């Protein structure tokens, strides 16, 4: 069967075509075709490179994406919102709003990973997959897509970096890479920071207001510090310190 059949031709006899595709995939004889390079304009005037996979590659990638998503959705962390089912930018903004109003926020970081889909290390991506996926057939399929190359101006180029932005499976592969390279580190950092904050809050003295302000004279004491200072507490009143 011709792998480059158009969508309409493929759909005309879709059942037989899918059966013919199923056999090579199960036997390990399936071969990925190079993705076609296309460019779309970006808001800043530059061009965004996309990799358009062949029709049957899209079909197999869609099946593998559904399988891997069921696995990794159990692992992905709650603050990960990109390219995930039932999640999006609006959900991230809602969570940010709740965090700002409910937590002590000193700063916010807005960052963008430049050319992320083009710079992902394929070696590390496969190692991350092998950490969770034990089926070598899935690993080999992903490797075939990564090594299939990009067809541009009738020349196929193969790179050891990138996942081919625009393919069906590339968003999931990007999330898997970020899960291990960034999200787990961010979660550990946040837990460490929250623990440090709890320790600081527990250690720092809590002022005790003895009288309300401003109708009556009042005093503030720091019991935990007074024990070590060896001096009587400084008392404040409306007229000044005593």
C-alpha atoms as a PDB file:
ATOM      1  CA  UNK A   1       0.000   0.000   0.000  1.00  0.00           C
ATOM      2  CA  UNK A   2       1.248   3.475  -0.822  1.00  0.00           C
ATOM      3  CA  UNK A   3       2.071   5.295   2.398  1.00  0.00           C
ATOM      4  CA  UNK A   4       1.552   8.711   0.824  1.00  0.00           C
ATOM      5  CA  UNK A   5      -2.120   8.245  -0.043  1.00  0.00           C
ATOM      6  CA  UNK A   6      -4.267  11.292   0.492  1.00  0.00           C
ATOM      7  CA  UNK A   7      -6.835  11.596   3.248  1.00  0.00           C
ATOM      8  CA  UNK A   8      -9.825  11.058   0.987  1.00  0.00           C
ATOM      9  CA  UNK A   9      -8.265   8.051  -0.743  1.00  0.00           C
ATOM     10  CA  UNK A  10      -7.313   6.559   2.605  1.00  0.00           C
ATOM     11  CA  UNK A  11     -10.795   7.122   4.013  1.00  0.00           C
ATOM     12  CA  UNK A  12     -12.426   5.440   0.998  1.00  0.00           C
ATOM     13  CA  UNK A  13     -11.126   2.071   2.198  1.00  0.00           C
ATOM     14  CA  UNK A  14     -10.219   2.921   5.771  1.00  0.00           C
ATOM     15  CA  UNK A  15     -10.884  -0.492   7.322  1.00  0.00           C
ATOM     16  CA  UNK A  16      -8.529  -2.336   4.985  1.00  0.00           C
ATOM     17  CA  UNK A  17      -5.934   0.412   5.240  1.00  0.00           C
ATOM     18  CA  UNK A  18      -5.955   0.275   9.026  1.00  0.00           C
ATOM     19  CA  UNK A  19      -5.617  -3.505   8.952  1.00  0.00           C
ATOM     20  CA  UNK A  20      -2.665  -3.183   6.581  1.00  0.00           C
ATOM     21  CA  UNK A  21      -1.123  -0.630   8.966  1.00  0.00           C
ATOM     22  CA  UNK A  22      -1.774  -2.719  12.061  1.00  0.00           C
ATOM     23  CA  UNK A  23       0.317  -5.649  10.844  1.00  0.00           C
ATOM     24  CA  UNK A  24       3.641  -3.802  10.375  1.00  0.00           C
ATOM     25  CA  UNK A  25       3.192  -1.952  13.658  1.00  0.00           C
ATOM     26  CA  UNK A  26       2.694  -5.215  15.563  1.00  0.00           C
ATOM     27  CA  UNK A  27       5.605  -6.949  13.817  1.00  0.00           C
ATOM     28  CA  UNK A  28       7.961  -4.023  14.303  1.00  0.00           C
ATOM     29  CA  UNK A  29       8.242  -3.530  10.530  1.00  0.00           C
ATOM     30  CA  UNK A  30       6.565  -0.122  10.581  1.00  0.00           C
ATOM     31  CA  UNK A  31       8.781   2.665   9.242  1.00  0.00           C
ATOM     32  CA  UNK A  32       8.132   6.333   9.901  1.00  0.00           C
ATOM     33  CA  UNK A  33       8.387   8.777   7.018  1.00  0.00           C
ATOM     34  CA  UNK A  34      10.171  12.138   7.252  1.00  0.00           C
ATOM     35  CA  UNK A  35       7.896  14.990   8.323  1.00  0.00           C
ATOM     36  CA  UNK A  36       7.306  17.818   5.891  1.00  0.00           C
ATOM     37  CA  UNK A  37       8.619  21.227   6.991  1.00  0.00           C
ATOM     38  CA  UNK A  38       6.195  24.133   6.791  1.00  0.00           C
ATOM     39  CA  UNK A  39       6.359  27.624   8.275  1.00  0.00           C
ATOM     40  CA  UNK A  40       3.668  29.771   9.823  1.00  0.00           C
ATOM     41  CA  UNK A  41       4.037  33.438  10.820  1.00  0.00           C
ATOM     42  CA  UNK A  42       4.569  34.376  14.477  1.00  0.00           C
ATOM     43  CA  UNK A  43       3.173  37.550  16.107  1.00  0.00           C
ATOM     44  CA  UNK A  44       6.642  39.124  16.188  1.00  0.00           C
ATOM     45  CA  UNK A  45       7.090  38.712  12.429  1.00  0.00           C
ATOM     46  CA  UNK A  46       9.326  35.643  12.549  1.00  0.00           C
ATOM     47  CA  UNK A  47       8.464  32.229  11.119  1.00  0.00           C
ATOM     48  CA  UNK A  48       7.570  29.235  13.279  1.00  0.00           C
ATOM     49  CA  UNK A  49       8.815  25.919  11.836  1.00  0.00           C
ATOM     50  CA  UNK A  50       6.348  23.030  11.973  1.00  0.00           C
ATOM     51  CA  UNK A  51       6.760  19.368  11.127  1.00  0.00           C
ATOM     52  CA  UNK A  52       3.765  17.841   9.324  1.00  0.00           C
ATOM     53  CA  UNK A  53       3.823  14.055   9.631  1.00  0.00           C
ATOM     54  CA  UNK A  54       2.532  11.626   7.006  1.00  0.00           C
ATOM     55  CA  UNK A  55      -1.044  10.423   7.337  1.00  0.00           C
ATOM     56  CA  UNK A  56      -0.300   6.946   8.698  1.00  0.00           C
ATOM     57  CA  UNK A  57       2.323   8.367  11.037  1.00  0.00           C
ATOM     58  CA  UNK A  58      -0.380  10.644  12.441  1.00  0.00           C
ATOM     59  CA  UNK A  59      -2.678   7.659  12.964  1.00  0.00           C
ATOM     60  CA  UNK A  60      -0.067   5.619  14.833  1.00  0.00           C
ATOM     61  CA  UNK A  61       1.021   8.670  16.837  1.00  0.00           C
ATOM     62  CA  UNK A  62      -2.585   9.326  17.840  1.00  0.00           C
ATOM     63  CA  UNK A  63      -2.928   5.769  19.168  1.00  0.00           C
ATOM     64  CA  UNK A  64       0.350   5.937  21.085  1.00  0.00           C
ATOM     65  CA  UNK A  65      -0.571   9.375  22.465  1.00  0.00           C
ATOM     66  CA  UNK A  66      -3.851   8.016  23.836  1.00  0.00           C
ATOM     67  CA  UNK A  67      -1.991   5.141  25.484  1.00  0.00           C
ATOM     68  CA  UNK A  68       0.778   7.249  27.008  1.00  0.00           C
ATOM     69  CA  UNK A  69      -1.630   9.970  28.139  1.00  0.00           C
ATOM     70  CA  UNK A  70      -3.553   7.455  30.239  1.00  0.00           C
ATOM     71  CA  UNK A  71      -0.279   6.583  31.975  1.00  0.00           C
ATOM     72  CA  UNK A  72       1.303   9.987  32.400  1.00  0.00           C
ATOM     73  CA  UNK A  73      -1.843  11.839  33.426  1.00  0.00           C
ATOM     74  CA  UNK A  74      -1.475   9.924  36.683  1.00  0.00           C
ATOM     75  CA  UNK A  75       2.074  11.274  37.064  1.00  0.00           C
ATOM     76  CA  UNK A  76       1.879  14.856  35.831  1.00  0.00           C
ATOM     77  CA  UNK A  77       1.710  17.422  38.611  1.00  0.00           C
ATOM     78  CA  UNK A  78      -1.224  19.668  39.342  1.00  0.00           C
ATOM     79  CA  UNK A  79       0.477  22.895  38.299  1.00  0.00           C
ATOM     80  CA  UNK A  80       1.143  21.595  34.777  1.00  0.00           C
ATOM     81  CA  UNK A  81      -1.502  22.935  32.382  1.00  0.00           C
ATOM     82  CA  UNK A  82      -0.091  22.937  28.838  1.00  0.00           C
ATOM     83  CA  UNK A  83      -1.408  20.444  26.250  1.00  0.00           C
ATOM     84  CA  UNK A  84      -3.339  18.405  28.805  1.00  0.00           C
ATOM     85  CA  UNK A  85      -6.963  17.208  28.632  1.00  0.00           C
ATOM     86  CA  UNK A  86      -9.475  19.462  30.364  1.00  0.00           C
ATOM     87  CA  UNK A  87      -6.746  21.958  31.179  1.00  0.00           C
ATOM     88  CA  UNK A  88      -5.615  25.164  29.552  1.00  0.00           C
ATOM     89  CA  UNK A  89      -4.406  28.716  29.970  1.00  0.00           C
ATOM     90  CA  UNK A  90      -7.627  29.863  31.650  1.00  0.00           C
ATOM     91  CA  UNK A  91      -7.278  27.167  34.309  1.00  0.00           C
ATOM     92  CA  UNK A  92      -3.695  28.268  34.924  1.00  0.00           C
ATOM     93  CA  UNK A  93      -4.811  31.883  35.342  1.00  0.00           C
ATOM     94  CA  UNK A  94      -7.536  30.805  37.784  1.00  0.00           C
ATOM     95  CA  UNK A  95      -4.959  28.892  39.846  1.00  0.00           C
ATOM     96  CA  UNK A  96      -2.610  31.885  39.750  1.00  0.00           C
ATOM     97  CA  UNK A  97      -5.381  34.173  40.993  1.00  0.00           C
ATOM     98  CA  UNK A  98      -6.181  31.812  43.868  1.00  0.00           C
ATOM     99  CA  UNK A  99      -2.501  31.558  44.767  1.00  0.00           C
ATOM    100  CA  UNK A 100      -2.005  35.318  44.783  1.00  0.00           C
ATOM    101  CA  UNK A 101      -4.987  35.885  47.062  1.00  0.00           C
ATOM    102  CA  UNK A 102      -4.379  32.907  49.345  1.00  0.00           C
ATOM    103  CA  UNK A 103      -0.585  32.828  49.691  1.00  0.00           C
ATOM    104  CA  UNK A 104       2.191  35.206  50.615  1.00  0.00           C
ATOM    105  CA  UNK A 105       3.453  36.126  47.142  1.00  0.00           C
ATOM    106  CA  UNK A 106       6.607  38.240  46.892  1.00  0.00           C
ATOM    107  CA  UNK A 107       7.315  37.899  43.173  1.00  0.00           C
ATOM    108  CA  UNK A 108       6.105  36.244  39.974  1.00  0.00           C
ATOM    109  CA  UNK A 109       8.286  34.850  37.195  1.00  0.00           C
ATOM    110  CA  UNK A 110       7.138  34.947  33.581  1.00  0.00           C
ATOM    111  CA  UNK A 111       9.501  32.975  31.335  1.00  0.00           C
ATOM    112  CA  UNK A 112       9.478  31.340  27.925  1.00  0.00           C
ATOM    113  CA  UNK A 113      11.742  28.475  26.833  1.00  0.00           C
ATOM    114  CA  UNK A 114      13.130  29.582  23.501  1.00  0.00           C
ATOM    115  CA  UNK A 115      12.776  27.051  20.656  1.00  0.00           C
ATOM    116  CA  UNK A 116      11.816  24.390  23.172  1.00  0.00           C
ATOM    117  CA  UNK A 117      10.390  21.862  20.684  1.00  0.00           C
ATOM    118  CA  UNK A 118      13.503  22.223  18.532  1.00  0.00           C
ATOM    119  CA  UNK A 119      16.027  21.912  21.377  1.00  0.00           C
ATOM    120  CA  UNK A 120      14.746  18.942  23.386  1.00  0.00           C
ATOM    121  CA  UNK A 121      17.482  16.361  23.898  1.00  0.00           C
ATOM    122  CA  UNK A 122      16.259  13.177  22.240  1.00  0.00           C
ATOM    123  CA  UNK A 123      18.630  11.023  24.289  1.00  0.00           C
ATOM    124  CA  UNK A 124      17.282  12.360  27.569  1.00  0.00           C
ATOM    125  CA  UNK A 125      13.706  12.125  26.311  1.00  0.00           C
ATOM    126  CA  UNK A 126      14.157   8.408  25.617  1.00  0.00           C
ATOM    127  CA  UNK A 127      15.738   7.932  29.047  1.00  0.00           C
ATOM    128  CA  UNK A 128      12.751   9.652  30.658  1.00  0.00           C
ATOM    129  CA  UNK A 129      10.373   7.391  28.727  1.00  0.00           C
ATOM    130  CA  UNK A 130      12.300   4.274  29.714  1.00  0.00           C
ATOM    131  CA  UNK A 131      12.008   5.309  33.348  1.00  0.00           C
ATOM    132  CA  UNK A 132       8.218   4.802  33.157  1.00  0.00           C
ATOM    133  CA  UNK A 133       7.513   2.683  30.061  1.00  0.00           C
ATOM    134  CA  UNK A 134       8.720  -0.918  30.022  1.00  0.00           C
ATOM    135  CA  UNK A 135       7.304  -1.899  26.609  1.00  0.00           C
ATOM    136  CA  UNK A 136      10.186  -1.673  24.140  1.00  0.00           C
ATOM    137  CA  UNK A 137       7.754  -1.488  21.214  1.00  0.00           C
ATOM    138  CA  UNK A 138       6.556   1.918  22.390  1.00  0.00           C
ATOM    139  CA  UNK A 139      10.119   3.122  22.907  1.00  0.00           C
ATOM    140  CA  UNK A 140      11.099   1.982  19.400  1.00  0.00           C
ATOM    141  CA  UNK A 141       8.103   3.736  17.860  1.00  0.00           C
ATOM    142  CA  UNK A 142       9.065   7.021  19.496  1.00  0.00           C
ATOM    143  CA  UNK A 143      12.662   6.567  18.392  1.00  0.00           C
ATOM    144  CA  UNK A 144      11.525   5.990  14.814  1.00  0.00           C
ATOM    145  CA  UNK A 145       9.583   9.265  14.803  1.00  0.00           C
ATOM    146  CA  UNK A 146      12.468  11.185  16.302  1.00  0.00           C
ATOM    147  CA  UNK A 147      14.943   9.770  13.789  1.00  0.00           C
ATOM    148  CA  UNK A 148      12.693   9.989  10.722  1.00  0.00           C
ATOM    149  CA  UNK A 149      13.994  13.475   9.963  1.00  0.00           C
ATOM    150  CA  UNK A 150      12.533  16.597   8.363  1.00  0.00           C
ATOM    151  CA  UNK A 151      11.922  16.972   4.637  1.00  0.00           C
ATOM    152  CA  UNK A 152      12.588  20.504   3.406  1.00  0.00           C
ATOM    153  CA  UNK A 153      13.402  21.530  -0.178  1.00  0.00           C
ATOM    154  CA  UNK A 154      13.625  17.840  -1.113  1.00  0.00           C
ATOM    155  CA  UNK A 155      16.387  17.305   1.443  1.00  0.00           C
ATOM    156  CA  UNK A 156      15.912  15.136   4.546  1.00  0.00           C
ATOM    157  CA  UNK A 157      17.786  16.348   7.608  1.00  0.00           C
ATOM    158  CA  UNK A 158      18.113  14.243  10.757  1.00  0.00           C
ATOM    159  CA  UNK A 159      18.938  15.878  14.066  1.00  0.00           C
ATOM    160  CA  UNK A 160      19.604  14.535  17.542  1.00  0.00           C
ATOM    161  CA  UNK A 161      17.549  17.321  19.116  1.00  0.00           C
ATOM    162  CA  UNK A 162      13.897  18.321  18.920  1.00  0.00           C
ATOM    163  CA  UNK A 163      10.559  16.502  18.627  1.00  0.00           C
ATOM    164  CA  UNK A 164       9.134  18.125  15.516  1.00  0.00           C
ATOM    165  CA  UNK A 165       6.659  20.769  16.663  1.00  0.00           C
ATOM    166  CA  UNK A 166       3.321  20.223  14.962  1.00  0.00           C
ATOM    167  CA  UNK A 167       3.228  16.432  15.090  1.00  0.00           C
ATOM    168  CA  UNK A 168       0.470  14.664  16.983  1.00  0.00           C
ATOM    169  CA  UNK A 169       2.694  13.260  19.713  1.00  0.00           C
ATOM    170  CA  UNK A 170       5.117  16.181  20.174  1.00  0.00           C
ATOM    171  CA  UNK A 171       3.045  18.028  22.863  1.00  0.00           C
ATOM    172  CA  UNK A 172       2.911  14.908  25.028  1.00  0.00           C
ATOM    173  CA  UNK A 173       6.619  14.219  24.565  1.00  0.00           C
ATOM    174  CA  UNK A 174       7.334  17.828  25.531  1.00  0.00           C
ATOM    175  CA  UNK A 175       5.249  17.456  28.697  1.00  0.00           C
ATOM    176  CA  UNK A 176       7.062  14.237  29.607  1.00  0.00           C
ATOM    177  CA  UNK A 177      10.410  15.972  29.173  1.00  0.00           C
ATOM    178  CA  UNK A 178       9.322  18.975  31.263  1.00  0.00           C
ATOM    179  CA  UNK A 179       7.871  16.705  33.937  1.00  0.00           C
ATOM    180  CA  UNK A 180      11.307  15.270  34.703  1.00  0.00           C
ATOM    181  CA  UNK A 181      13.476  18.252  33.790  1.00  0.00           C
ATOM    182  CA  UNK A 182      11.446  21.044  35.416  1.00  0.00           C
ATOM    183  CA  UNK A 183       8.206  20.115  37.168  1.00  0.00           C
ATOM    184  CA  UNK A 184       9.621  17.630  39.671  1.00  0.00           C
ATOM    185  CA  UNK A 185      12.387  20.091  40.549  1.00  0.00           C
ATOM    186  CA  UNK A 186       9.846  22.900  40.957  1.00  0.00           C
ATOM    187  CA  UNK A 187       7.708  20.727  43.232  1.00  0.00           C
ATOM    188  CA  UNK A 188      10.720  19.830  45.395  1.00  0.00           C
ATOM    189  CA  UNK A 189      11.754  23.483  45.565  1.00  0.00           C
ATOM    190  CA  UNK A 190       8.239  24.553  46.523  1.00  0.00           C
ATOM    191  CA  UNK A 191       7.964  21.918  49.229  1.00  0.00           C
ATOM    192  CA  UNK A 192      11.363  22.932  50.607  1.00  0.00           C
ATOM    193  CA  UNK A 193      10.411  26.603  50.541  1.00  0.00           C
ATOM    194  CA  UNK A 194       7.085  25.944  52.253  1.00  0.00           C
ATOM    195  CA  UNK A 195       8.842  23.903  54.927  1.00  0.00           C
ATOM    196  CA  UNK A 196      11.368  26.674  55.476  1.00  0.00           C
ATOM    197  CA  UNK A 197       8.526  29.183  55.735  1.00  0.00           C
ATOM    198  CA  UNK A 198       6.790  27.016  58.328  1.00  0.00           C
ATOM    199  CA  UNK A 199       9.992  26.738  60.358  1.00  0.00           C
ATOM    200  CA  UNK A 200      10.603  30.492  60.205  1.00  0.00           C
ATOM    201  CA  UNK A 201       7.031  31.251  61.197  1.00  0.00           C
ATOM    202  CA  UNK A 202       7.289  28.818  64.092  1.00  0.00           C
ATOM    203  CA  UNK A 203      10.625  30.219  65.287  1.00  0.00           C
ATOM    204  CA  UNK A 204      10.049  33.940  64.923  1.00  0.00           C
ATOM    205  CA  UNK A 205       8.490  35.550  67.978  1.00  0.00           C
ATOM    206  CA  UNK A 206       4.825  36.400  67.890  1.00  0.00           C
ATOM    207  CA  UNK A 207       4.067  39.892  69.213  1.00  0.00           C
ATOM    208  CA  UNK A 208       1.525  40.008  72.013  1.00  0.00           C
ATOM    209  CA  UNK A 209      -0.730  43.048  72.021  1.00  0.00           C
ATOM    210  CA  UNK A 210      -1.667  43.784  75.607  1.00  0.00           C
ATOM    211  CA  UNK A 211      -4.026  46.693  74.971  1.00  0.00           C
ATOM    212  CA  UNK A 212      -5.940  47.841  71.917  1.00  0.00           C
ATOM    213  CA  UNK A 213      -4.846  50.848  69.884  1.00  0.00           C
ATOM    214  CA  UNK A 214      -5.414  53.789  69.986  1.00  0.00           C
ATOM    215  CA  UNK A 215      -7.958  54.320  72.757  1.00  0.00           C
ATOM    216  CA  UNK A 216      -5.819  52.849  75.539  1.00  0.00           C
ATOM    217  CA  UNK A 217      -2.167  52.485  76.346  1.00  0.00           C
ATOM    218  CA  UNK A 218      -0.775  49.272  74.882  1.00  0.00           C
ATOM    219  CA  UNK A 219       2.328  47.139  75.099  1.00  0.00           C
ATOM    220  CA  UNK A 220       4.019  44.657  72.777  1.00  0.00           C
ATOM    221  CA  UNK A 221       6.209  41.879  74.108  1.00  0.00           C
ATOM    222  CA  UNK A 222       8.316  39.223  72.423  1.00  0.00           C
ATOM    223  CA  UNK A 223       8.430  36.381  74.955  1.00  0.00           C
ATOM    224  CA  UNK A 224      10.809  34.130  73.022  1.00  0.00           C
ATOM    225  CA  UNK A 225      13.444  36.804  72.611  1.00  0.00           C
ATOM    226  CA  UNK A 226      13.181  38.131  76.175  1.00  0.00           C
ATOM    227  CA  UNK A 227      14.438  34.867  77.647  1.00  0.00           C
ATOM    228  CA  UNK A 228      17.696  35.092  75.742  1.00  0.00           C
ATOM    229  CA  UNK A 229      18.144  38.833  75.882  1.00  0.00           C
ATOM    230  CA  UNK A 230      18.188  38.941  79.657  1.00  0.00           C
ATOM    231  CA  UNK A 231      16.544  42.344  79.593  1.00  0.00           C
ATOM    232  CA  UNK A 232      13.051  43.442  80.480  1.00  0.00           C
ATOM    233  CA  UNK A 233      10.734  43.764  77.502  1.00  0.00           C
ATOM    234  CA  UNK A 234      10.400  47.079  75.778  1.00  0.00           C
ATOM    235  CA  UNK A 235       6.902  48.387  76.233  1.00  0.00           C
ATOM    236  CA  UNK A 236       5.276  50.757  73.835  1.00  0.00           C
ATOM    237  CA  UNK A 237       2.483  53.137  74.671  1.00  0.00           C
ATOM    238  CA  UNK A 238       0.791  56.071  73.027  1.00  0.00           C
ATOM    239  CA  UNK A 239       3.406  58.404  74.499  1.00  0.00           C
ATOM    240  CA  UNK A 240       6.430  56.428  73.276  1.00  0.00           C
ATOM    241  CA  UNK A 241       8.652  53.599  74.463  1.00  0.00           C
ATOM    242  CA  UNK A 242       9.404  52.849  78.099  1.00  0.00           C
END
